[in-house]
PDB file of N, CA and C in Angstrom:
ATOM      1  N   UNK A   1      -7.787 -11.511 -16.644  1.00  0.00           N
ATOM      2  CA  UNK A   1      -6.890 -10.499 -16.109  1.00  0.00           C
ATOM      3  C   UNK A   1      -6.872 -10.644 -14.584  1.00  0.00           C
ATOM      4  N   UNK A   2      -5.661 -10.514 -14.020  1.00  0.00           N
ATOM      5  CA  UNK A   2      -5.475 -10.667 -12.582  1.00  0.00           C
ATOM      6  C   UNK A   2      -4.729  -9.461 -12.031  1.00  0.00           C
ATOM      7  N   UNK A   3      -5.156  -9.021 -10.855  1.00  0.00           N
ATOM      8  CA  UNK A   3      -4.472  -7.933 -10.149  1.00  0.00           C
ATOM      9  C   UNK A   3      -3.944  -8.461  -8.833  1.00  0.00           C
ATOM     10  N   UNK A   4      -2.757  -8.016  -8.463  1.00  0.00           N
ATOM     11  CA  UNK A   4      -2.215  -8.310  -7.145  1.00  0.00           C
ATOM     12  C   UNK A   4      -2.497  -7.083  -6.284  1.00  0.00           C
ATOM     13  N   UNK A   5      -3.219  -7.306  -5.189  1.00  0.00           N
ATOM     14  CA  UNK A   5      -3.607  -6.221  -4.294  1.00  0.00           C
ATOM     15  C   UNK A   5      -2.894  -6.434  -2.954  1.00  0.00           C
ATOM     16  N   UNK A   6      -2.181  -5.399  -2.514  1.00  0.00           N
ATOM     17  CA  UNK A   6      -1.465  -5.439  -1.237  1.00  0.00           C
ATOM     18  C   UNK A   6      -2.164  -4.500  -0.279  1.00  0.00           C
ATOM     19  N   UNK A   7      -2.418  -4.987   0.939  1.00  0.00           N
ATOM     20  CA  UNK A   7      -3.055  -4.118   1.915  1.00  0.00           C
ATOM     21  C   UNK A   7      -3.510  -4.878   3.139  1.00  0.00           C
ATOM     22  N   UNK A   8      -4.531  -4.337   3.758  1.00  0.00           N
ATOM     23  CA  UNK A   8      -5.110  -4.882   4.973  1.00  0.00           C
ATOM     24  C   UNK A   8      -6.594  -5.109   4.689  1.00  0.00           C
ATOM     25  N   UNK A   9      -7.115  -6.304   4.984  1.00  0.00           N
ATOM     26  CA  UNK A   9      -8.473  -6.630   4.546  1.00  0.00           C
ATOM     27  C   UNK A   9      -9.581  -5.741   5.110  1.00  0.00           C
ATOM     28  N   UNK A  10      -9.402  -5.176   6.293  1.00  0.00           N
ATOM     29  CA  UNK A  10     -10.472  -4.350   6.862  1.00  0.00           C
ATOM     30  C   UNK A  10     -10.359  -2.868   6.501  1.00  0.00           C
ATOM     31  N   UNK A  11      -9.412  -2.526   5.635  1.00  0.00           N
ATOM     32  CA  UNK A  11      -9.215  -1.142   5.195  1.00  0.00           C
ATOM     33  C   UNK A  11     -10.289  -0.782   4.160  1.00  0.00           C
ATOM     34  N   UNK A  12     -10.975   0.315   4.362  1.00  0.00           N
ATOM     35  CA  UNK A  12     -12.033   0.736   3.438  1.00  0.00           C
ATOM     36  C   UNK A  12     -11.517   0.971   2.027  1.00  0.00           C
ATOM     37  N   UNK A  13     -10.331   1.554   1.905  1.00  0.00           N
ATOM     38  CA  UNK A  13      -9.768   1.806   0.576  1.00  0.00           C
ATOM     39  C   UNK A  13      -9.466   0.497  -0.148  1.00  0.00           C
ATOM     40  N   UNK A  14      -8.956  -0.477   0.578  1.00  0.00           N
ATOM     41  CA  UNK A  14      -8.670  -1.788  -0.012  1.00  0.00           C
ATOM     42  C   UNK A  14      -9.984  -2.443  -0.444  1.00  0.00           C
ATOM     43  N   UNK A  15     -10.991  -2.363   0.403  1.00  0.00           N
ATOM     44  CA  UNK A  15     -12.302  -2.942   0.064  1.00  0.00           C
ATOM     45  C   UNK A  15     -12.875  -2.301  -1.205  1.00  0.00           C
ATOM     46  N   UNK A  16     -12.766  -0.983  -1.315  1.00  0.00           N
ATOM     47  CA  UNK A  16     -13.273  -0.283  -2.499  1.00  0.00           C
ATOM     48  C   UNK A  16     -12.519  -0.698  -3.753  1.00  0.00           C
ATOM     49  N   UNK A  17     -11.205  -0.799  -3.648  1.00  0.00           N
ATOM     50  CA  UNK A  17     -10.398  -1.188  -4.807  1.00  0.00           C
ATOM     51  C   UNK A  17     -10.745  -2.601  -5.260  1.00  0.00           C
ATOM     52  N   UNK A  18     -10.862  -3.516  -4.317  1.00  0.00           N
ATOM     53  CA  UNK A  18     -11.200  -4.902  -4.662  1.00  0.00           C
ATOM     54  C   UNK A  18     -12.567  -4.969  -5.312  1.00  0.00           C
ATOM     55  N   UNK A  19     -13.540  -4.244  -4.766  1.00  0.00           N
ATOM     56  CA  UNK A  19     -14.886  -4.235  -5.354  1.00  0.00           C
ATOM     57  C   UNK A  19     -14.844  -3.674  -6.771  1.00  0.00           C
ATOM     58  N   UNK A  20     -14.102  -2.600  -6.972  1.00  0.00           N
ATOM     59  CA  UNK A  20     -14.009  -1.993  -8.305  1.00  0.00           C
ATOM     60  C   UNK A  20     -13.353  -2.952  -9.296  1.00  0.00           C
ATOM     61  N   UNK A  21     -12.290  -3.610  -8.862  1.00  0.00           N
ATOM     62  CA  UNK A  21     -11.611  -4.570  -9.736  1.00  0.00           C
ATOM     63  C   UNK A  21     -12.539  -5.732 -10.089  1.00  0.00           C
ATOM     64  N   UNK A  22     -13.227  -6.260  -9.101  1.00  0.00           N
ATOM     65  CA  UNK A  22     -14.146  -7.378  -9.350  1.00  0.00           C
ATOM     66  C   UNK A  22     -15.278  -6.960 -10.281  1.00  0.00           C
ATOM     67  N   UNK A  23     -15.775  -5.738 -10.115  1.00  0.00           N
ATOM     68  CA  UNK A  23     -16.841  -5.225 -10.987  1.00  0.00           C
ATOM     69  C   UNK A  23     -16.384  -5.134 -12.432  1.00  0.00           C
ATOM     70  N   UNK A  24     -15.072  -5.088 -12.641  1.00  0.00           N
ATOM     71  CA  UNK A  24     -14.506  -5.011 -13.987  1.00  0.00           C
ATOM     72  C   UNK A  24     -13.897  -6.349 -14.410  1.00  0.00           C
ATOM     73  N   UNK A  25     -14.392  -7.416 -13.797  1.00  0.00           N
ATOM     74  CA  UNK A  25     -14.001  -8.789 -14.145  1.00  0.00           C
ATOM     75  C   UNK A  25     -12.506  -9.050 -14.011  1.00  0.00           C
ATOM     76  N   UNK A  26     -11.900  -8.457 -12.987  1.00  0.00           N
ATOM     77  CA  UNK A  26     -10.483  -8.681 -12.717  1.00  0.00           C
ATOM     78  C   UNK A  26     -10.394  -9.631 -11.525  1.00  0.00           C
ATOM     79  N   UNK A  27      -9.613 -10.689 -11.693  1.00  0.00           N
ATOM     80  CA  UNK A  27      -9.383 -11.607 -10.587  1.00  0.00           C
ATOM     81  C   UNK A  27      -8.400 -10.962  -9.615  1.00  0.00           C
ATOM     82  N   UNK A  28      -8.540 -11.303  -8.341  1.00  0.00           N
ATOM     83  CA  UNK A  28      -7.736 -10.689  -7.289  1.00  0.00           C
ATOM     84  C   UNK A  28      -6.832 -11.731  -6.641  1.00  0.00           C
ATOM     85  N   UNK A  29      -5.572 -11.376  -6.487  1.00  0.00           N
ATOM     86  CA  UNK A  29      -4.657 -12.099  -5.617  1.00  0.00           C
ATOM     87  C   UNK A  29      -4.338 -11.109  -4.507  1.00  0.00           C
ATOM     88  N   UNK A  30      -4.724 -11.447  -3.279  1.00  0.00           N
ATOM     89  CA  UNK A  30      -4.599 -10.505  -2.173  1.00  0.00           C
ATOM     90  C   UNK A  30      -3.409 -10.868  -1.294  1.00  0.00           C
ATOM     91  N   UNK A  31      -2.592  -9.874  -0.986  1.00  0.00           N
ATOM     92  CA  UNK A  31      -1.466 -10.030  -0.067  1.00  0.00           C
ATOM     93  C   UNK A  31      -1.774  -9.207   1.182  1.00  0.00           C
ATOM     94  N   UNK A  32      -2.015  -9.897   2.278  1.00  0.00           N
ATOM     95  CA  UNK A  32      -2.384  -9.275   3.548  1.00  0.00           C
ATOM     96  C   UNK A  32      -1.119  -8.898   4.324  1.00  0.00           C
ATOM     97  N   UNK A  33      -0.906  -7.582   4.498  1.00  0.00           N
ATOM     98  CA  UNK A  33       0.257  -7.105   5.240  1.00  0.00           C
ATOM     99  C   UNK A  33       0.303  -7.675   6.660  1.00  0.00           C
ATOM    100  N   UNK A  34      -0.854  -7.808   7.289  1.00  0.00           N
ATOM    101  CA  UNK A  34      -0.898  -8.254   8.684  1.00  0.00           C
ATOM    102  C   UNK A  34      -0.464  -9.714   8.804  1.00  0.00           C
ATOM    103  N   UNK A  35      -0.882 -10.553   7.853  1.00  0.00           N
ATOM    104  CA  UNK A  35      -0.559 -11.980   7.926  1.00  0.00           C
ATOM    105  C   UNK A  35       0.788 -12.318   7.303  1.00  0.00           C
ATOM    106  N   UNK A  36       1.133 -11.668   6.198  1.00  0.00           N
ATOM    107  CA  UNK A  36       2.299 -12.058   5.424  1.00  0.00           C
ATOM    108  C   UNK A  36       3.427 -11.034   5.439  1.00  0.00           C
ATOM    109  N   UNK A  37       3.217  -9.913   6.105  1.00  0.00           N
ATOM    110  CA  UNK A  37       4.238  -8.880   6.143  1.00  0.00           C
ATOM    111  C   UNK A  37       4.375  -8.173   4.804  1.00  0.00           C
ATOM    112  N   UNK A  38       5.375  -7.335   4.730  1.00  0.00           N
ATOM    113  CA  UNK A  38       5.636  -6.565   3.517  1.00  0.00           C
ATOM    114  C   UNK A  38       6.910  -7.118   2.882  1.00  0.00           C
ATOM    115  N   UNK A  39       6.839  -7.561   1.643  1.00  0.00           N
ATOM    116  CA  UNK A  39       8.056  -8.022   0.979  1.00  0.00           C
ATOM    117  C   UNK A  39       9.049  -6.870   0.817  1.00  0.00           C
ATOM    118  N   UNK A  40      10.225  -6.989   1.433  1.00  0.00           N
ATOM    119  CA  UNK A  40      11.199  -5.892   1.455  1.00  0.00           C
ATOM    120  C   UNK A  40      11.593  -5.444   0.054  1.00  0.00           C
ATOM    121  N   UNK A  41      11.783  -6.396  -0.870  1.00  0.00           N
ATOM    122  CA  UNK A  41      12.195  -6.011  -2.220  1.00  0.00           C
ATOM    123  C   UNK A  41      11.075  -5.249  -2.925  1.00  0.00           C
ATOM    124  N   UNK A  42       9.826  -5.598  -2.662  1.00  0.00           N
ATOM    125  CA  UNK A  42       8.717  -4.836  -3.248  1.00  0.00           C
ATOM    126  C   UNK A  42       8.619  -3.452  -2.629  1.00  0.00           C
ATOM    127  N   UNK A  43       8.887  -3.355  -1.345  1.00  0.00           N
ATOM    128  CA  UNK A  43       8.868  -2.051  -0.685  1.00  0.00           C
ATOM    129  C   UNK A  43       9.886  -1.125  -1.328  1.00  0.00           C
ATOM    130  N   UNK A  44      11.059  -1.658  -1.647  1.00  0.00           N
ATOM    131  CA  UNK A  44      12.073  -0.858  -2.352  1.00  0.00           C
ATOM    132  C   UNK A  44      11.524  -0.367  -3.692  1.00  0.00           C
ATOM    133  N   UNK A  45      10.837  -1.248  -4.401  1.00  0.00           N
ATOM    134  CA  UNK A  45      10.259  -0.876  -5.700  1.00  0.00           C
ATOM    135  C   UNK A  45       9.201   0.214  -5.527  1.00  0.00           C
ATOM    136  N   UNK A  46       8.348   0.063  -4.520  1.00  0.00           N
ATOM    137  CA  UNK A  46       7.293   1.054  -4.297  1.00  0.00           C
ATOM    138  C   UNK A  46       7.884   2.412  -3.947  1.00  0.00           C
ATOM    139  N   UNK A  47       8.902   2.409  -3.088  1.00  0.00           N
ATOM    140  CA  UNK A  47       9.548   3.669  -2.704  1.00  0.00           C
ATOM    141  C   UNK A  47      10.215   4.294  -3.927  1.00  0.00           C
ATOM    142  N   UNK A  48      10.867   3.465  -4.736  1.00  0.00           N
ATOM    143  CA  UNK A  48      11.511   3.970  -5.943  1.00  0.00           C
ATOM    144  C   UNK A  48      10.518   4.521  -6.954  1.00  0.00           C
ATOM    145  N   UNK A  49       9.365   3.894  -7.047  1.00  0.00           N
ATOM    146  CA  UNK A  49       8.342   4.307  -8.010  1.00  0.00           C
ATOM    147  C   UNK A  49       7.582   5.540  -7.543  1.00  0.00           C
ATOM    148  N   UNK A  50       7.153   5.530  -6.279  1.00  0.00           N
ATOM    149  CA  UNK A  50       6.254   6.577  -5.793  1.00  0.00           C
ATOM    150  C   UNK A  50       6.918   7.614  -4.897  1.00  0.00           C
ATOM    151  N   UNK A  51       8.050   7.278  -4.294  1.00  0.00           N
ATOM    152  CA  UNK A  51       8.691   8.162  -3.326  1.00  0.00           C
ATOM    153  C   UNK A  51       8.135   7.940  -1.930  1.00  0.00           C
ATOM    154  N   UNK A  52       8.960   8.244  -0.935  1.00  0.00           N
ATOM    155  CA  UNK A  52       8.562   8.024   0.458  1.00  0.00           C
ATOM    156  C   UNK A  52       7.311   8.801   0.842  1.00  0.00           C
ATOM    157  N   UNK A  53       7.207  10.035   0.373  1.00  0.00           N
ATOM    158  CA  UNK A  53       6.069  10.870   0.774  1.00  0.00           C
ATOM    159  C   UNK A  53       4.734  10.261   0.368  1.00  0.00           C
ATOM    160  N   UNK A  54       4.718   9.536  -0.741  1.00  0.00           N
ATOM    161  CA  UNK A  54       3.474   8.929  -1.190  1.00  0.00           C
ATOM    162  C   UNK A  54       3.248   7.557  -0.551  1.00  0.00           C
ATOM    163  N   UNK A  55       4.319   6.839  -0.249  1.00  0.00           N
ATOM    164  CA  UNK A  55       4.187   5.499   0.328  1.00  0.00           C
ATOM    165  C   UNK A  55       3.749   5.564   1.793  1.00  0.00           C
ATOM    166  N   UNK A  56       4.237   6.553   2.521  1.00  0.00           N
ATOM    167  CA  UNK A  56       3.886   6.678   3.941  1.00  0.00           C
ATOM    168  C   UNK A  56       2.572   7.427   4.081  1.00  0.00           C
ATOM    169  N   UNK A  57       1.631   6.767   4.755  1.00  0.00           N
ATOM    170  CA  UNK A  57       0.334   7.387   5.010  1.00  0.00           C
ATOM    171  C   UNK A  57       0.411   8.122   6.349  1.00  0.00           C
ATOM    172  N   UNK A  58       0.673   9.405   6.288  1.00  0.00           N
ATOM    173  CA  UNK A  58       0.824  10.206   7.511  1.00  0.00           C
ATOM    174  C   UNK A  58      -0.512  10.673   8.076  1.00  0.00           C
ATOM    175  N   UNK A  59      -1.604  10.341   7.404  1.00  0.00           N
ATOM    176  CA  UNK A  59      -2.920  10.768   7.893  1.00  0.00           C
ATOM    177  C   UNK A  59      -3.651   9.658   8.641  1.00  0.00           C
ATOM    178  N   UNK A  60      -3.099   8.447   8.619  1.00  0.00           N
ATOM    179  CA  UNK A  60      -3.759   7.309   9.256  1.00  0.00           C
ATOM    180  C   UNK A  60      -3.568   7.284  10.757  1.00  0.00           C
ATOM    181  N   UNK A  61      -4.387   6.495  11.417  1.00  0.00           N
ATOM    182  CA  UNK A  61      -4.334   6.411  12.877  1.00  0.00           C
ATOM    183  C   UNK A  61      -3.051   5.747  13.368  1.00  0.00           C
ATOM    184  N   UNK A  62      -2.514   4.805  12.599  1.00  0.00           N
ATOM    185  CA  UNK A  62      -1.269   4.157  13.042  1.00  0.00           C
ATOM    186  C   UNK A  62      -0.137   5.169  13.079  1.00  0.00           C
ATOM    187  N   UNK A  63       0.005   5.974  12.022  1.00  0.00           N
ATOM    188  CA  UNK A  63       1.052   6.999  11.993  1.00  0.00           C
ATOM    189  C   UNK A  63       0.867   7.985  13.142  1.00  0.00           C
ATOM    190  N   UNK A  64      -0.333   8.450  13.322  1.00  0.00           N
ATOM    191  CA  UNK A  64      -0.590   9.441  14.379  1.00  0.00           C
ATOM    192  C   UNK A  64      -0.343   8.863  15.767  1.00  0.00           C
ATOM    193  N   UNK A  65      -0.443   7.538  15.889  1.00  0.00           N
ATOM    194  CA  UNK A  65      -0.217   6.896  17.179  1.00  0.00           C
ATOM    195  C   UNK A  65       1.249   6.646  17.497  1.00  0.00           C
ATOM    196  N   UNK A  66       2.126   6.811  16.509  1.00  0.00           N
ATOM    197  CA  UNK A  66       3.558   6.623  16.750  1.00  0.00           C
ATOM    198  C   UNK A  66       4.131   7.841  17.470  1.00  0.00           C
ATOM    199  N   UNK A  67       5.071   7.593  18.380  1.00  0.00           N
ATOM    200  CA  UNK A  67       5.688   8.748  19.038  1.00  0.00           C
ATOM    201  C   UNK A  67       6.619   9.454  18.058  1.00  0.00           C
ATOM    202  N   UNK A  68       6.960  10.669  18.394  1.00  0.00           N
ATOM    203  CA  UNK A  68       7.741  11.515  17.483  1.00  0.00           C
ATOM    204  C   UNK A  68       9.087  10.917  17.112  1.00  0.00           C
ATOM    205  N   UNK A  69       9.698  10.181  18.024  1.00  0.00           N
ATOM    206  CA  UNK A  69      11.002   9.592  17.708  1.00  0.00           C
ATOM    207  C   UNK A  69      10.861   8.531  16.619  1.00  0.00           C
ATOM    208  N   UNK A  70       9.802   7.761  16.653  1.00  0.00           N
ATOM    209  CA  UNK A  70       9.564   6.778  15.590  1.00  0.00           C
ATOM    210  C   UNK A  70       9.211   7.473  14.279  1.00  0.00           C
ATOM    211  N   UNK A  71       8.375   8.479  14.349  1.00  0.00           N
ATOM    212  CA  UNK A  71       8.036   9.231  13.130  1.00  0.00           C
ATOM    213  C   UNK A  71       9.286   9.851  12.512  1.00  0.00           C
ATOM    214  N   UNK A  72      10.224  10.260  13.353  1.00  0.00           N
ATOM    215  CA  UNK A  72      11.460  10.872  12.883  1.00  0.00           C
ATOM    216  C   UNK A  72      12.319   9.916  12.066  1.00  0.00           C
ATOM    217  N   UNK A  73      12.157   8.616  12.299  1.00  0.00           N
ATOM    218  CA  UNK A  73      12.919   7.633  11.519  1.00  0.00           C
ATOM    219  C   UNK A  73      12.569   7.727  10.036  1.00  0.00           C
ATOM    220  N   UNK A  74      11.383   8.231   9.730  1.00  0.00           N
ATOM    221  CA  UNK A  74      10.917   8.298   8.339  1.00  0.00           C
ATOM    222  C   UNK A  74      11.632   9.378   7.541  1.00  0.00           C
ATOM    223  N   UNK A  75      12.529  10.134   8.155  1.00  0.00           N
ATOM    224  CA  UNK A  75      13.236  11.200   7.448  1.00  0.00           C
ATOM    225  C   UNK A  75      14.333  10.663   6.524  1.00  0.00           C
ATOM    226  N   UNK A  76      14.849   9.480   6.841  1.00  0.00           N
ATOM    227  CA  UNK A  76      15.885   8.885   5.975  1.00  0.00           C
ATOM    228  C   UNK A  76      15.288   7.669   5.264  1.00  0.00           C
ATOM    229  N   UNK A  77      15.748   7.369   4.070  1.00  0.00           N
ATOM    230  CA  UNK A  77      15.225   6.197   3.355  1.00  0.00           C
ATOM    231  C   UNK A  77      15.400   4.898   4.140  1.00  0.00           C
ATOM    232  N   UNK A  78      16.545   4.718   4.783  1.00  0.00           N
ATOM    233  CA  UNK A  78      16.791   3.493   5.544  1.00  0.00           C
ATOM    234  C   UNK A  78      15.849   3.398   6.746  1.00  0.00           C
ATOM    235  N   UNK A  79      15.727   4.501   7.460  1.00  0.00           N
ATOM    236  CA  UNK A  79      14.844   4.523   8.628  1.00  0.00           C
ATOM    237  C   UNK A  79      13.393   4.343   8.239  1.00  0.00           C
ATOM    238  N   UNK A  80      12.989   4.971   7.145  1.00  0.00           N
ATOM    239  CA  UNK A  80      11.613   4.851   6.679  1.00  0.00           C
ATOM    240  C   UNK A  80      11.302   3.411   6.296  1.00  0.00           C
ATOM    241  N   UNK A  81      12.243   2.771   5.600  1.00  0.00           N
ATOM    242  CA  UNK A  81      12.009   1.380   5.197  1.00  0.00           C
ATOM    243  C   UNK A  81      11.861   0.491   6.428  1.00  0.00           C
ATOM    244  N   UNK A  82      12.731   0.669   7.414  1.00  0.00           N
ATOM    245  CA  UNK A  82      12.642  -0.122   8.644  1.00  0.00           C
ATOM    246  C   UNK A  82      11.301   0.111   9.336  1.00  0.00           C
ATOM    247  N   UNK A  83      10.870   1.350   9.370  1.00  0.00           N
ATOM    248  CA  UNK A  83       9.591   1.693   9.994  1.00  0.00           C
ATOM    249  C   UNK A  83       8.421   1.060   9.246  1.00  0.00           C
ATOM    250  N   UNK A  84       8.449   1.114   7.908  1.00  0.00           N
ATOM    251  CA  UNK A  84       7.387   0.536   7.091  1.00  0.00           C
ATOM    252  C   UNK A  84       7.333  -0.981   7.241  1.00  0.00           C
ATOM    253  N   UNK A  85       8.480  -1.611   7.376  1.00  0.00           N
ATOM    254  CA  UNK A  85       8.503  -3.060   7.568  1.00  0.00           C
ATOM    255  C   UNK A  85       7.965  -3.441   8.946  1.00  0.00           C
ATOM    256  N   UNK A  86       8.255  -2.613   9.939  1.00  0.00           N
ATOM    257  CA  UNK A  86       7.791  -2.891  11.300  1.00  0.00           C
ATOM    258  C   UNK A  86       6.316  -2.541  11.484  1.00  0.00           C
ATOM    259  N   UNK A  87       5.871  -1.467  10.828  1.00  0.00           N
ATOM    260  CA  UNK A  87       4.487  -1.000  10.950  1.00  0.00           C
ATOM    261  C   UNK A  87       3.856  -0.920   9.556  1.00  0.00           C
ATOM    262  N   UNK A  88       3.504  -2.051   8.958  1.00  0.00           N
ATOM    263  CA  UNK A  88       2.970  -2.027   7.590  1.00  0.00           C
ATOM    264  C   UNK A  88       1.660  -1.253   7.454  1.00  0.00           C
ATOM    265  N   UNK A  89       1.000  -0.995   8.562  1.00  0.00           N
ATOM    266  CA  UNK A  89      -0.255  -0.230   8.502  1.00  0.00           C
ATOM    267  C   UNK A  89      -0.037   1.216   8.085  1.00  0.00           C
ATOM    268  N   UNK A  90       1.216   1.692   8.101  1.00  0.00           N
ATOM    269  CA  UNK A  90       1.444   3.080   7.682  1.00  0.00           C
ATOM    270  C   UNK A  90       1.727   3.194   6.188  1.00  0.00           C
ATOM    271  N   UNK A  91       1.664   2.068   5.476  1.00  0.00           N
ATOM    272  CA  UNK A  91       1.815   2.123   4.022  1.00  0.00           C
ATOM    273  C   UNK A  91       0.490   2.563   3.421  1.00  0.00           C
ATOM    274  N   UNK A  92       0.532   3.537   2.544  1.00  0.00           N
ATOM    275  CA  UNK A  92      -0.672   4.003   1.839  1.00  0.00           C
ATOM    276  C   UNK A  92      -1.266   2.811   1.108  1.00  0.00           C
ATOM    277  N   UNK A  93      -2.575   2.653   1.219  1.00  0.00           N
ATOM    278  CA  UNK A  93      -3.241   1.499   0.641  1.00  0.00           C
ATOM    279  C   UNK A  93      -4.357   1.919  -0.286  1.00  0.00           C
ATOM    280  N   UNK A  94      -4.662   1.009  -1.191  1.00  0.00           N
ATOM    281  CA  UNK A  94      -3.981  -0.234  -1.525  1.00  0.00           C
ATOM    282  C   UNK A  94      -2.845   0.017  -2.500  1.00  0.00           C
ATOM    283  N   UNK A  95      -1.918  -0.939  -2.538  1.00  0.00           N
ATOM    284  CA  UNK A  95      -0.930  -0.988  -3.607  1.00  0.00           C
ATOM    285  C   UNK A  95      -1.445  -2.066  -4.553  1.00  0.00           C
ATOM    286  N   UNK A  96      -1.599  -1.710  -5.823  1.00  0.00           N
ATOM    287  CA  UNK A  96      -2.169  -2.640  -6.799  1.00  0.00           C
ATOM    288  C   UNK A  96      -1.240  -2.752  -7.998  1.00  0.00           C
ATOM    289  N   UNK A  97      -0.986  -3.994  -8.390  1.00  0.00           N
ATOM    290  CA  UNK A  97      -0.250  -4.255  -9.623  1.00  0.00           C
ATOM    291  C   UNK A  97      -1.238  -4.861 -10.613  1.00  0.00           C
ATOM    292  N   UNK A  98      -1.465  -4.153 -11.702  1.00  0.00           N
ATOM    293  CA  UNK A  98      -2.434  -4.576 -12.719  1.00  0.00           C
ATOM    294  C   UNK A  98      -1.835  -4.308 -14.088  1.00  0.00           C
ATOM    295  N   UNK A  99      -1.752  -5.337 -14.893  1.00  0.00           N
ATOM    296  CA  UNK A  99      -1.175  -5.212 -16.247  1.00  0.00           C
ATOM    297  C   UNK A  99       0.225  -4.608 -16.232  1.00  0.00           C
ATOM    298  N   UNK A 100       1.008  -4.967 -15.210  1.00  0.00           N
ATOM    299  CA  UNK A 100       2.382  -4.475 -15.131  1.00  0.00           C
ATOM    300  C   UNK A 100       2.506  -3.047 -14.633  1.00  0.00           C
ATOM    301  N   UNK A 101       1.392  -2.436 -14.241  1.00  0.00           N
ATOM    302  CA  UNK A 101       1.395  -1.055 -13.757  1.00  0.00           C
ATOM    303  C   UNK A 101       1.087  -1.041 -12.261  1.00  0.00           C
ATOM    304  N   UNK A 102       1.899  -0.323 -11.500  1.00  0.00           N
ATOM    305  CA  UNK A 102       1.681  -0.163 -10.068  1.00  0.00           C
ATOM    306  C   UNK A 102       0.883   1.106  -9.788  1.00  0.00           C
ATOM    307  N   UNK A 103      -0.067   1.001  -8.866  1.00  0.00           N
ATOM    308  CA  UNK A 103      -0.762   2.185  -8.363  1.00  0.00           C
ATOM    309  C   UNK A 103      -0.735   2.114  -6.839  1.00  0.00           C
ATOM    310  N   UNK A 104      -0.858   3.271  -6.222  1.00  0.00           N
ATOM    311  CA  UNK A 104      -0.936   3.311  -4.765  1.00  0.00           C
ATOM    312  C   UNK A 104      -2.051   4.273  -4.383  1.00  0.00           C
ATOM    313  N   UNK A 105      -2.949   3.808  -3.527  1.00  0.00           N
ATOM    314  CA  UNK A 105      -4.060   4.635  -3.073  1.00  0.00           C
ATOM    315  C   UNK A 105      -5.230   4.725  -4.034  1.00  0.00           C
ATOM    316  N   UNK A 106      -5.141   4.083  -5.187  1.00  0.00           N
ATOM    317  CA  UNK A 106      -6.238   4.146  -6.168  1.00  0.00           C
ATOM    318  C   UNK A 106      -7.325   3.145  -5.784  1.00  0.00           C
ATOM    319  N   UNK A 107      -8.570   3.588  -5.808  1.00  0.00           N
ATOM    320  CA  UNK A 107      -9.677   2.702  -5.445  1.00  0.00           C
ATOM    321  C   UNK A 107     -10.652   2.479  -6.592  1.00  0.00           C
ATOM    322  N   UNK A 108     -10.579   3.282  -7.653  1.00  0.00           N
ATOM    323  CA  UNK A 108     -11.504   3.155  -8.774  1.00  0.00           C
ATOM    324  C   UNK A 108     -10.767   2.591  -9.979  1.00  0.00           C
ATOM    325  N   UNK A 109     -11.167   1.383 -10.365  1.00  0.00           N
ATOM    326  CA  UNK A 109     -10.535   0.724 -11.505  1.00  0.00           C
ATOM    327  C   UNK A 109     -11.539   0.489 -12.632  1.00  0.00           C
ATOM    328  N   UNK A 110     -12.544   1.357 -12.717  1.00  0.00           N
ATOM    329  CA  UNK A 110     -13.510   1.219 -13.796  1.00  0.00           C
ATOM    330  C   UNK A 110     -12.822   1.523 -15.123  1.00  0.00           C
ATOM    331  N   UNK A 111     -13.362   1.001 -16.179  1.00  0.00           N
ATOM    332  CA  UNK A 111     -12.760   1.164 -17.507  1.00  0.00           C
ATOM    333  C   UNK A 111     -12.482   2.639 -17.759  1.00  0.00           C
ATOM    334  N   UNK A 112     -11.289   2.912 -18.254  1.00  0.00           N
ATOM    335  CA  UNK A 112     -10.924   4.299 -18.563  1.00  0.00           C
ATOM    336  C   UNK A 112     -10.340   5.029 -17.370  1.00  0.00           C
ATOM    337  N   UNK A 113     -10.400   4.425 -16.169  1.00  0.00           N
ATOM    338  CA  UNK A 113      -9.862   5.086 -14.992  1.00  0.00           C
ATOM    339  C   UNK A 113      -8.672   4.330 -14.419  1.00  0.00           C
ATOM    340  N   UNK A 114      -8.292   3.241 -15.046  1.00  0.00           N
ATOM    341  CA  UNK A 114      -7.176   2.463 -14.501  1.00  0.00           C
ATOM    342  C   UNK A 114      -5.901   2.713 -15.264  1.00  0.00           C
TER     343      UNK A 114
END
């Protein structure tokens, strides 16, 4: 079994999710937002699946560091997508695709919890 994990390698939530997946004998394919960017078509899927409010991490330091005019772009779907593509660190992490199921922000993949 293989999981695709999207995130940033130094993120604690991403580290926890990867450790949990590995502990459950799941192979990891990691997509680093910092090195490879965010695939725009996948971002559309994530927004469609989870909604903007769940995809945007408004509690993180990157979001809090943006000025109000940039944060205001997140009010429209088009503006939010542009902002997420420009600042991938504001995407709630990790995004995990496992067995055809997407999760966002989940860090525990122990049996019965995934």
